[in-house]
Amino acid sequence: MLQSADYITEEKRKELEKELQDLKGPKRKEILASLEYAKSLGDLSENAEYHQAREDQGKLEARILYIEKILEFSQTFKRHGGDTVEVGSKVVVQKERKKEDITYTIVGSEEADTAKSKISHKSPFGEALFGKKKGDNISFNTPNGAVNYKIISVS
């Protein structure tokens, strides 16, 4: 598994495909209807509804392109198990001079969510963990200085 590649889970791929289908179908039709209505109101230069509909259309098309790019260039990963940290690994770490264990899941950058303990393999912490094994010590820099962790387990 390459650390430089972009990864998404099968669940995320399905979620994005569903969103893309919705954006290209019902959402696009909805915005086109809004544009037609706004045009019917008259003078387009001073028509707030028209300008808002055009802005919404631009955001929709940008989101469609963004999702298509993710789906085209991201590799879908399936966790194979093992004792080396890679995308999909659950890693239990212990911060230096602390007693409590913290569990993180290593995910692709599209799925990172620190509130859910999902960290990107491209984040400084994820990069430090990537390729390491149980018992390894890691260190990475933060704005407040270097932080050190010990890997307790990898699953």
N, C-alpha and C. Protein backbone atom coordinates (compact mmCIF):
# COMPACT_ATOMS: atom_id res chain seq x y z
N MET A 1 0.86 -1.18 0.00
CA MET A 1 0.00 0.00 0.00
C MET A 1 0.90 1.24 0.00
N LEU A 2 0.66 2.13 -0.93
CA LEU A 2 1.47 3.35 -1.05
C LEU A 2 0.90 4.46 -0.18
N GLN A 3 1.77 5.10 0.58
CA GLN A 3 1.31 6.19 1.43
C GLN A 3 0.90 7.40 0.61
N SER A 4 1.50 7.58 -0.56
CA SER A 4 1.21 8.76 -1.37
C SER A 4 -0.11 8.67 -2.13
N ALA A 5 -0.69 7.48 -2.23
CA ALA A 5 -1.95 7.31 -2.97
C ALA A 5 -3.13 7.83 -2.17
N ASP A 6 -4.24 8.09 -2.87
CA ASP A 6 -5.49 8.49 -2.22
C ASP A 6 -6.35 7.25 -2.07
N TYR A 7 -6.93 7.07 -0.88
CA TYR A 7 -7.74 5.89 -0.60
C TYR A 7 -9.10 6.30 -0.06
N ILE A 8 -10.10 5.47 -0.36
CA ILE A 8 -11.42 5.59 0.25
C ILE A 8 -11.93 4.18 0.54
N THR A 9 -12.82 4.07 1.51
CA THR A 9 -13.42 2.78 1.81
C THR A 9 -14.50 2.47 0.79
N GLU A 10 -14.91 1.23 0.75
CA GLU A 10 -16.00 0.82 -0.14
C GLU A 10 -17.28 1.57 0.23
N GLU A 11 -17.51 1.75 1.54
CA GLU A 11 -18.70 2.47 2.01
C GLU A 11 -18.69 3.92 1.53
N LYS A 12 -17.52 4.56 1.62
CA LYS A 12 -17.41 5.95 1.17
C LYS A 12 -17.61 6.05 -0.33
N ARG A 13 -17.08 5.09 -1.09
CA ARG A 13 -17.27 5.07 -2.54
C ARG A 13 -18.76 5.00 -2.87
N LYS A 14 -19.48 4.11 -2.21
CA LYS A 14 -20.93 3.97 -2.45
C LYS A 14 -21.67 5.24 -2.07
N GLU A 15 -21.27 5.84 -0.96
CA GLU A 15 -21.89 7.09 -0.50
C GLU A 15 -21.69 8.20 -1.54
N LEU A 16 -20.47 8.32 -2.06
CA LEU A 16 -20.17 9.34 -3.06
C LEU A 16 -20.90 9.07 -4.38
N GLU A 17 -20.98 7.82 -4.78
CA GLU A 17 -21.70 7.47 -6.01
C GLU A 17 -23.18 7.82 -5.89
N LYS A 18 -23.76 7.57 -4.72
CA LYS A 18 -25.17 7.91 -4.48
C LYS A 18 -25.37 9.42 -4.52
N GLU A 19 -24.46 10.16 -3.86
CA GLU A 19 -24.55 11.61 -3.88
C GLU A 19 -24.42 12.16 -5.30
N LEU A 20 -23.48 11.61 -6.06
CA LEU A 20 -23.27 12.05 -7.44
C LEU A 20 -24.53 11.82 -8.28
N GLN A 21 -25.15 10.68 -8.11
CA GLN A 21 -26.38 10.37 -8.84
C GLN A 21 -27.48 11.38 -8.49
N ASP A 22 -27.58 11.73 -7.21
CA ASP A 22 -28.58 12.70 -6.77
C ASP A 22 -28.28 14.09 -7.33
N LEU A 23 -27.00 14.47 -7.31
CA LEU A 23 -26.62 15.80 -7.82
C LEU A 23 -26.87 15.93 -9.32
N LYS A 24 -26.55 14.88 -10.06
CA LYS A 24 -26.72 14.93 -11.52
C LYS A 24 -28.17 14.79 -11.94
N GLY A 25 -29.00 14.23 -11.09
CA GLY A 25 -30.40 14.03 -11.42
C GLY A 25 -31.29 15.09 -10.82
N PRO A 26 -31.93 14.78 -9.67
CA PRO A 26 -32.91 15.69 -9.06
C PRO A 26 -32.38 17.08 -8.73
N LYS A 27 -31.17 17.17 -8.19
CA LYS A 27 -30.64 18.49 -7.79
C LYS A 27 -30.41 19.39 -9.01
N ARG A 28 -29.87 18.80 -10.08
CA ARG A 28 -29.64 19.59 -11.30
C ARG A 28 -30.96 20.10 -11.86
N LYS A 29 -31.97 19.24 -11.90
CA LYS A 29 -33.30 19.63 -12.41
C LYS A 29 -33.89 20.74 -11.54
N GLU A 30 -33.69 20.62 -10.24
CA GLU A 30 -34.22 21.62 -9.31
C GLU A 30 -33.59 23.00 -9.58
N ILE A 31 -32.31 23.03 -9.79
CA ILE A 31 -31.62 24.29 -10.05
C ILE A 31 -32.01 24.86 -11.41
N LEU A 32 -32.15 23.99 -12.41
CA LEU A 32 -32.59 24.46 -13.73
C LEU A 32 -33.98 25.07 -13.65
N ALA A 33 -34.85 24.48 -12.85
CA ALA A 33 -36.19 25.03 -12.66
C ALA A 33 -36.12 26.40 -11.98
N SER A 34 -35.22 26.53 -11.00
CA SER A 34 -35.04 27.81 -10.31
C SER A 34 -34.53 28.88 -11.28
N LEU A 35 -33.62 28.49 -12.16
CA LEU A 35 -33.11 29.42 -13.16
C LEU A 35 -34.21 29.88 -14.11
N GLU A 36 -35.01 28.95 -14.58
CA GLU A 36 -36.11 29.31 -15.49
C GLU A 36 -37.09 30.26 -14.82
N TYR A 37 -37.42 29.97 -13.55
CA TYR A 37 -38.33 30.85 -12.82
C TYR A 37 -37.72 32.24 -12.68
N ALA A 38 -36.44 32.29 -12.30
CA ALA A 38 -35.77 33.57 -12.09
C ALA A 38 -35.71 34.38 -13.39
N LYS A 39 -35.50 33.69 -14.51
CA LYS A 39 -35.47 34.39 -15.81
C LYS A 39 -36.83 35.00 -16.12
N SER A 40 -37.88 34.32 -15.71
CA SER A 40 -39.22 34.81 -16.01
C SER A 40 -39.57 36.08 -15.23
N LEU A 41 -38.79 36.41 -14.21
CA LEU A 41 -39.06 37.59 -13.39
C LEU A 41 -38.62 38.89 -14.05
N GLY A 42 -37.87 38.77 -15.14
CA GLY A 42 -37.51 39.98 -15.86
C GLY A 42 -36.03 40.30 -15.82
N ASP A 43 -35.72 41.58 -15.80
CA ASP A 43 -34.37 42.12 -15.90
C ASP A 43 -33.36 41.32 -15.08
N LEU A 44 -32.43 40.65 -15.78
CA LEU A 44 -31.49 39.76 -15.12
C LEU A 44 -30.39 40.52 -14.37
N SER A 45 -30.09 41.74 -14.75
CA SER A 45 -29.01 42.48 -14.10
C SER A 45 -29.34 42.84 -12.65
N GLU A 46 -30.62 42.97 -12.34
CA GLU A 46 -31.03 43.31 -10.97
C GLU A 46 -31.91 42.23 -10.37
N ASN A 47 -31.73 41.01 -10.81
CA ASN A 47 -32.58 39.91 -10.40
C ASN A 47 -31.82 39.02 -9.40
N ALA A 48 -32.09 39.22 -8.11
CA ALA A 48 -31.39 38.50 -7.05
C ALA A 48 -31.64 36.99 -7.13
N GLU A 49 -32.86 36.60 -7.49
CA GLU A 49 -33.19 35.18 -7.60
C GLU A 49 -32.35 34.52 -8.70
N TYR A 50 -32.17 35.22 -9.80
CA TYR A 50 -31.38 34.68 -10.90
C TYR A 50 -29.91 34.52 -10.48
N HIS A 51 -29.36 35.55 -9.84
CA HIS A 51 -27.97 35.49 -9.41
C HIS A 51 -27.75 34.38 -8.37
N GLN A 52 -28.71 34.20 -7.49
CA GLN A 52 -28.61 33.13 -6.49
C GLN A 52 -28.68 31.76 -7.16
N ALA A 53 -29.57 31.60 -8.12
CA ALA A 53 -29.70 30.33 -8.83
C ALA A 53 -28.42 30.02 -9.61
N ARG A 54 -27.81 31.03 -10.22
CA ARG A 54 -26.55 30.82 -10.95
C ARG A 54 -25.42 30.43 -9.97
N GLU A 55 -25.41 31.06 -8.82
CA GLU A 55 -24.40 30.71 -7.82
C GLU A 55 -24.60 29.27 -7.34
N ASP A 56 -25.85 28.90 -7.08
CA ASP A 56 -26.16 27.52 -6.67
C ASP A 56 -25.76 26.53 -7.75
N GLN A 57 -25.99 26.89 -9.01
CA GLN A 57 -25.61 26.02 -10.12
C GLN A 57 -24.09 25.84 -10.17
N GLY A 58 -23.36 26.90 -9.96
CA GLY A 58 -21.90 26.82 -9.94
C GLY A 58 -21.39 25.92 -8.83
N LYS A 59 -21.98 26.04 -7.63
CA LYS A 59 -21.59 25.20 -6.50
C LYS A 59 -21.91 23.73 -6.78
N LEU A 60 -23.06 23.49 -7.39
CA LEU A 60 -23.47 22.12 -7.72
C LEU A 60 -22.50 21.49 -8.71
N GLU A 61 -22.16 22.22 -9.77
CA GLU A 61 -21.26 21.69 -10.79
C GLU A 61 -19.85 21.48 -10.22
N ALA A 62 -19.42 22.36 -9.32
CA ALA A 62 -18.12 22.19 -8.69
C ALA A 62 -18.10 20.93 -7.82
N ARG A 63 -19.19 20.69 -7.09
CA ARG A 63 -19.28 19.49 -6.24
C ARG A 63 -19.29 18.23 -7.11
N ILE A 64 -19.99 18.27 -8.23
CA ILE A 64 -20.03 17.12 -9.14
C ILE A 64 -18.62 16.81 -9.64
N LEU A 65 -17.91 17.83 -10.08
CA LEU A 65 -16.53 17.62 -10.57
C LEU A 65 -15.62 17.09 -9.47
N TYR A 66 -15.78 17.59 -8.27
CA TYR A 66 -14.97 17.16 -7.14
C TYR A 66 -15.20 15.68 -6.83
N ILE A 67 -16.46 15.27 -6.78
CA ILE A 67 -16.78 13.87 -6.50
C ILE A 67 -16.28 12.97 -7.62
N GLU A 68 -16.47 13.40 -8.87
CA GLU A 68 -15.97 12.60 -9.99
C GLU A 68 -14.46 12.41 -9.91
N LYS A 69 -13.76 13.44 -9.51
CA LYS A 69 -12.30 13.36 -9.37
C LYS A 69 -11.92 12.35 -8.28
N ILE A 70 -12.59 12.43 -7.15
CA ILE A 70 -12.32 11.49 -6.06
C ILE A 70 -12.55 10.05 -6.52
N LEU A 71 -13.69 9.82 -7.17
CA LEU A 71 -14.02 8.46 -7.61
C LEU A 71 -13.04 7.95 -8.66
N GLU A 72 -12.57 8.84 -9.52
CA GLU A 72 -11.65 8.43 -10.58
C GLU A 72 -10.25 8.13 -10.05
N PHE A 73 -9.77 8.95 -9.12
CA PHE A 73 -8.37 8.84 -8.73
C PHE A 73 -8.11 8.14 -7.40
N SER A 74 -9.15 7.86 -6.63
CA SER A 74 -8.95 7.19 -5.34
C SER A 74 -9.03 5.69 -5.49
N GLN A 75 -8.18 5.01 -4.75
CA GLN A 75 -8.22 3.56 -4.72
C GLN A 75 -9.10 3.12 -3.56
N THR A 76 -9.93 2.13 -3.82
CA THR A 76 -10.76 1.59 -2.77
C THR A 76 -9.93 0.55 -2.02
N PHE A 77 -9.86 0.68 -0.71
CA PHE A 77 -9.04 -0.27 0.04
C PHE A 77 -9.91 -1.24 0.81
N LYS A 78 -9.38 -2.41 0.96
CA LYS A 78 -9.97 -3.42 1.82
C LYS A 78 -8.90 -3.82 2.81
N ARG A 79 -9.23 -3.78 4.07
CA ARG A 79 -8.27 -4.10 5.12
C ARG A 79 -7.96 -5.60 5.08
N HIS A 80 -6.68 -5.92 5.03
CA HIS A 80 -6.25 -7.31 4.96
C HIS A 80 -5.74 -7.82 6.30
N GLY A 81 -5.71 -6.99 7.30
CA GLY A 81 -5.16 -7.40 8.59
C GLY A 81 -3.65 -7.27 8.56
N GLY A 82 -3.04 -7.70 9.61
CA GLY A 82 -1.59 -7.61 9.67
C GLY A 82 -1.16 -6.72 10.80
N ASP A 83 0.15 -6.68 11.00
CA ASP A 83 0.68 -5.94 12.14
C ASP A 83 1.37 -4.65 11.75
N THR A 84 1.24 -4.25 10.48
CA THR A 84 1.84 -3.01 10.01
C THR A 84 0.74 -1.97 9.81
N VAL A 85 0.98 -0.75 10.25
CA VAL A 85 -0.01 0.32 10.12
C VAL A 85 -0.15 0.72 8.65
N GLU A 86 -1.38 0.66 8.16
CA GLU A 86 -1.71 1.10 6.80
C GLU A 86 -3.13 1.64 6.83
N VAL A 87 -3.61 2.09 5.69
CA VAL A 87 -4.98 2.60 5.63
C VAL A 87 -5.93 1.48 6.01
N GLY A 88 -6.82 1.77 6.92
CA GLY A 88 -7.77 0.78 7.42
C GLY A 88 -7.38 0.20 8.76
N SER A 89 -6.16 0.43 9.20
CA SER A 89 -5.69 -0.11 10.48
C SER A 89 -6.33 0.62 11.66
N LYS A 90 -6.60 -0.15 12.70
CA LYS A 90 -6.95 0.44 13.99
C LYS A 90 -5.67 0.39 14.82
N VAL A 91 -5.27 1.54 15.30
CA VAL A 91 -4.00 1.65 16.01
C VAL A 91 -4.27 2.17 17.42
N VAL A 92 -3.75 1.44 18.40
CA VAL A 92 -3.84 1.90 19.78
C VAL A 92 -2.47 2.47 20.14
N VAL A 93 -2.47 3.73 20.59
CA VAL A 93 -1.22 4.41 20.92
C VAL A 93 -1.30 4.97 22.34
N GLN A 94 -0.14 5.25 22.86
CA GLN A 94 -0.05 5.87 24.17
C GLN A 94 0.90 7.05 24.05
N LYS A 95 0.43 8.21 24.43
CA LYS A 95 1.25 9.41 24.38
C LYS A 95 2.31 9.35 25.46
N GLU A 96 3.48 9.86 25.13
CA GLU A 96 4.59 9.87 26.08
C GLU A 96 4.17 10.51 27.40
N ARG A 97 4.52 9.87 28.50
CA ARG A 97 4.22 10.34 29.85
C ARG A 97 2.74 10.34 30.20
N LYS A 98 1.94 9.60 29.46
CA LYS A 98 0.50 9.46 29.76
C LYS A 98 0.21 7.99 29.96
N LYS A 99 -0.79 7.66 30.74
CA LYS A 99 -1.13 6.27 31.03
C LYS A 99 -2.25 5.74 30.13
N GLU A 100 -3.08 6.63 29.60
CA GLU A 100 -4.25 6.16 28.84
C GLU A 100 -3.91 5.82 27.40
N ASP A 101 -4.59 4.78 26.92
CA ASP A 101 -4.46 4.37 25.52
C ASP A 101 -5.51 5.09 24.68
N ILE A 102 -5.14 5.43 23.45
CA ILE A 102 -6.06 6.09 22.53
C ILE A 102 -6.08 5.26 21.25
N THR A 103 -7.28 5.02 20.73
CA THR A 103 -7.42 4.23 19.51
C THR A 103 -7.79 5.14 18.35
N TYR A 104 -7.08 4.97 17.23
CA TYR A 104 -7.35 5.72 16.01
C TYR A 104 -7.52 4.74 14.86
N THR A 105 -8.30 5.15 13.88
CA THR A 105 -8.40 4.40 12.63
C THR A 105 -7.74 5.24 11.55
N ILE A 106 -6.88 4.61 10.77
CA ILE A 106 -6.19 5.31 9.69
C ILE A 106 -7.08 5.21 8.45
N VAL A 107 -7.43 6.37 7.90
CA VAL A 107 -8.33 6.42 6.74
C VAL A 107 -7.74 7.33 5.66
N GLY A 108 -8.37 7.32 4.49
CA GLY A 108 -8.00 8.25 3.44
C GLY A 108 -8.40 9.66 3.83
N SER A 109 -7.83 10.64 3.17
CA SER A 109 -8.06 12.03 3.56
C SER A 109 -9.52 12.46 3.43
N GLU A 110 -10.29 11.83 2.54
CA GLU A 110 -11.70 12.17 2.38
C GLU A 110 -12.55 11.76 3.57
N GLU A 111 -12.07 10.80 4.35
CA GLU A 111 -12.87 10.27 5.46
C GLU A 111 -12.37 10.70 6.82
N ALA A 112 -11.32 11.50 6.86
CA ALA A 112 -10.75 11.92 8.14
C ALA A 112 -11.78 12.67 8.97
N ASP A 113 -11.85 12.34 10.25
CA ASP A 113 -12.78 12.97 11.18
C ASP A 113 -12.22 12.78 12.58
N THR A 114 -11.51 13.77 13.08
CA THR A 114 -10.86 13.62 14.37
C THR A 114 -11.85 13.40 15.51
N ALA A 115 -13.06 13.92 15.38
CA ALA A 115 -14.08 13.71 16.41
C ALA A 115 -14.45 12.23 16.52
N LYS A 116 -14.27 11.49 15.44
CA LYS A 116 -14.57 10.05 15.43
C LYS A 116 -13.28 9.22 15.48
N SER A 117 -12.18 9.87 15.82
CA SER A 117 -10.86 9.22 15.91
C SER A 117 -10.43 8.58 14.60
N LYS A 118 -10.80 9.20 13.48
CA LYS A 118 -10.36 8.75 12.16
C LYS A 118 -9.36 9.77 11.65
N ILE A 119 -8.11 9.34 11.46
CA ILE A 119 -7.08 10.27 11.01
C ILE A 119 -6.58 9.88 9.63
N SER A 120 -6.28 10.88 8.85
CA SER A 120 -5.80 10.68 7.49
C SER A 120 -4.39 10.12 7.49
N HIS A 121 -4.15 9.22 6.55
CA HIS A 121 -2.80 8.69 6.39
C HIS A 121 -1.83 9.74 5.88
N LYS A 122 -2.37 10.89 5.43
CA LYS A 122 -1.53 11.98 4.93
C LYS A 122 -1.33 13.10 5.97
N SER A 123 -1.96 12.96 7.13
CA SER A 123 -1.75 13.95 8.19
C SER A 123 -0.38 13.70 8.82
N PRO A 124 0.17 14.68 9.52
CA PRO A 124 1.48 14.44 10.16
C PRO A 124 1.48 13.21 11.08
N PHE A 125 0.41 13.04 11.85
CA PHE A 125 0.31 11.88 12.75
C PHE A 125 0.18 10.59 11.94
N GLY A 126 -0.67 10.62 10.92
CA GLY A 126 -0.86 9.44 10.07
C GLY A 126 0.42 9.06 9.34
N GLU A 127 1.15 10.06 8.86
CA GLU A 127 2.43 9.79 8.18
C GLU A 127 3.44 9.16 9.13
N ALA A 128 3.44 9.64 10.38
CA ALA A 128 4.38 9.08 11.36
C ALA A 128 4.03 7.63 11.69
N LEU A 129 2.74 7.30 11.72
CA LEU A 129 2.30 5.94 12.04
C LEU A 129 2.47 4.97 10.87
N PHE A 130 2.32 5.47 9.65
CA PHE A 130 2.26 4.62 8.46
C PHE A 130 3.51 3.73 8.35
N GLY A 131 3.28 2.42 8.21
CA GLY A 131 4.37 1.47 8.03
C GLY A 131 5.01 0.99 9.32
N LYS A 132 4.58 1.54 10.46
CA LYS A 132 5.15 1.15 11.74
C LYS A 132 4.42 -0.08 12.30
N LYS A 133 4.99 -0.66 13.37
CA LYS A 133 4.44 -1.88 13.97
C LYS A 133 4.28 -1.70 15.48
N LYS A 134 3.59 -2.67 16.07
CA LYS A 134 3.39 -2.69 17.52
C LYS A 134 4.75 -2.58 18.21
N GLY A 135 4.80 -1.73 19.23
CA GLY A 135 6.03 -1.55 19.99
C GLY A 135 6.90 -0.40 19.49
N ASP A 136 6.67 0.06 18.25
CA ASP A 136 7.46 1.16 17.71
C ASP A 136 7.12 2.47 18.40
N ASN A 137 8.11 3.33 18.51
CA ASN A 137 7.91 4.69 19.00
C ASN A 137 7.90 5.62 17.80
N ILE A 138 7.01 6.58 17.83
CA ILE A 138 6.94 7.56 16.74
C ILE A 138 7.01 8.97 17.31
N SER A 139 7.39 9.89 16.45
CA SER A 139 7.46 11.29 16.83
C SER A 139 7.08 12.12 15.61
N PHE A 140 6.36 13.19 15.84
CA PHE A 140 6.05 14.12 14.76
C PHE A 140 5.91 15.52 15.34
N ASN A 141 6.08 16.50 14.49
CA ASN A 141 6.06 17.90 14.92
C ASN A 141 4.66 18.48 14.84
N THR A 142 4.33 19.28 15.84
CA THR A 142 3.09 20.04 15.87
C THR A 142 3.47 21.51 16.07
N PRO A 143 2.53 22.42 15.96
CA PRO A 143 2.85 23.83 16.21
C PRO A 143 3.42 24.06 17.62
N ASN A 144 3.08 23.16 18.57
CA ASN A 144 3.58 23.29 19.95
C ASN A 144 4.85 22.48 20.20
N GLY A 145 5.43 21.92 19.14
CA GLY A 145 6.66 21.14 19.30
C GLY A 145 6.44 19.66 18.99
N ALA A 146 7.48 18.87 19.19
CA ALA A 146 7.43 17.44 18.88
C ALA A 146 6.55 16.71 19.88
N VAL A 147 5.83 15.70 19.38
CA VAL A 147 4.97 14.85 20.20
C VAL A 147 5.42 13.41 19.98
N ASN A 148 5.49 12.64 21.05
CA ASN A 148 5.97 11.26 20.97
C ASN A 148 4.88 10.29 21.42
N TYR A 149 4.74 9.19 20.69
CA TYR A 149 3.78 8.15 21.00
C TYR A 149 4.46 6.78 20.91
N LYS A 150 3.88 5.82 21.60
CA LYS A 150 4.29 4.42 21.47
C LYS A 150 3.09 3.67 20.93
N ILE A 151 3.33 2.79 19.93
CA ILE A 151 2.25 1.99 19.36
C ILE A 151 2.04 0.77 20.26
N ILE A 152 0.85 0.66 20.83
CA ILE A 152 0.51 -0.43 21.73
C ILE A 152 0.02 -1.64 20.94
N SER A 153 -0.83 -1.41 19.93
CA SER A 153 -1.29 -2.52 19.09
C SER A 153 -1.76 -2.01 17.74
N VAL A 154 -1.77 -2.94 16.78
CA VAL A 154 -2.25 -2.65 15.42
C VAL A 154 -3.18 -3.79 15.02
N SER A 155 -4.35 -3.44 14.55
CA SER A 155 -5.28 -4.48 14.08
C SER A 155 -6.01 -4.02 12.84
